[in-house]
Protein backbone atom coordinates (compact mmCIF):
# COMPACT_ATOMS: atom_id res chain seq x y z
CA UNK A 1 -41.03 -10.97 -31.96
CA UNK A 2 -39.67 -7.88 -33.71
CA UNK A 3 -40.89 -6.15 -36.84
CA UNK A 4 -38.74 -7.29 -39.78
CA UNK A 5 -36.37 -4.78 -41.35
CA UNK A 6 -36.82 -3.46 -44.89
CA UNK A 7 -34.20 -5.85 -46.31
CA UNK A 8 -36.07 -8.86 -44.93
CA UNK A 9 -39.35 -7.55 -46.32
CA UNK A 10 -37.75 -6.95 -49.73
CA UNK A 11 -36.31 -10.49 -49.80
CA UNK A 12 -39.66 -12.01 -48.79
CA UNK A 13 -41.44 -10.04 -51.53
CA UNK A 14 -38.84 -11.13 -54.09
CA UNK A 15 -39.28 -14.78 -53.06
CA UNK A 16 -43.09 -14.51 -53.23
CA UNK A 17 -42.91 -12.98 -56.72
CA UNK A 18 -40.66 -15.86 -57.84
CA UNK A 19 -43.17 -18.38 -56.55
CA UNK A 20 -46.17 -16.56 -58.05
CA UNK A 21 -44.97 -14.96 -61.25
CA UNK A 22 -47.18 -12.77 -63.38
CA UNK A 23 -47.24 -15.51 -66.04
CA UNK A 24 -48.55 -18.11 -63.59
CA UNK A 25 -51.10 -15.63 -62.25
CA UNK A 26 -52.32 -14.86 -65.78
CA UNK A 27 -53.16 -18.55 -66.23
CA UNK A 28 -56.03 -18.07 -63.78
CA UNK A 29 -59.16 -16.76 -65.48
CA UNK A 30 -59.69 -14.03 -62.88
CA UNK A 31 -56.24 -12.55 -63.61
CA UNK A 32 -55.81 -13.34 -67.31
CA UNK A 33 -55.72 -9.63 -68.25
CA UNK A 34 -53.57 -8.41 -65.34
CA UNK A 35 -50.89 -5.90 -66.27
CA UNK A 36 -47.42 -5.57 -64.77
CA UNK A 37 -48.55 -2.46 -62.89
CA UNK A 38 -51.62 -4.24 -61.49
CA UNK A 39 -49.47 -7.21 -60.53
CA UNK A 40 -47.11 -4.94 -58.60
CA UNK A 41 -50.05 -3.16 -56.94
CA UNK A 42 -51.51 -6.53 -55.94
CA UNK A 43 -48.24 -7.47 -54.26
CA UNK A 44 -48.01 -4.08 -52.53
CA UNK A 45 -51.52 -4.53 -51.10
CA UNK A 46 -50.77 -8.09 -50.02
CA UNK A 47 -47.53 -6.92 -48.41
CA UNK A 48 -49.30 -4.12 -46.53
CA UNK A 49 -51.95 -6.56 -45.30
CA UNK A 50 -49.33 -9.07 -44.16
CA UNK A 51 -47.39 -6.35 -42.33
CA UNK A 52 -50.55 -5.18 -40.55
CA UNK A 53 -51.20 -8.72 -39.36
CA UNK A 54 -47.59 -9.08 -38.24
CA UNK A 55 -47.70 -5.75 -36.42
CA UNK A 56 -50.92 -6.73 -34.69
CA UNK A 57 -49.39 -10.03 -33.63
CA UNK A 58 -46.22 -8.40 -32.29
CA UNK A 59 -48.23 -5.72 -30.45
CA UNK A 60 -50.33 -8.44 -28.79
CA UNK A 61 -47.12 -10.18 -27.69
CA UNK A 62 -45.79 -6.96 -26.19
CA UNK A 63 -49.03 -6.37 -24.31
CA UNK A 64 -48.96 -9.90 -22.92
CA UNK A 65 -45.36 -9.43 -21.77
CA UNK A 66 -46.28 -6.22 -19.98
CA UNK A 67 -49.08 -7.95 -18.07
């Protein structure tokens, strides 16, 4: 498994934002006062976390292949 390119990451982020818009997130009491900037920061953090998990998974696969 290879690390996705920046275009793939951008498309995945765009799709996730369509599925979880700021308006739908604001309907939840925890996020009712979320701003556009906070919304974007939330997605950036989630994206970084997801990429770290993916990188860990791909590194584990590479290690197993080397053994």
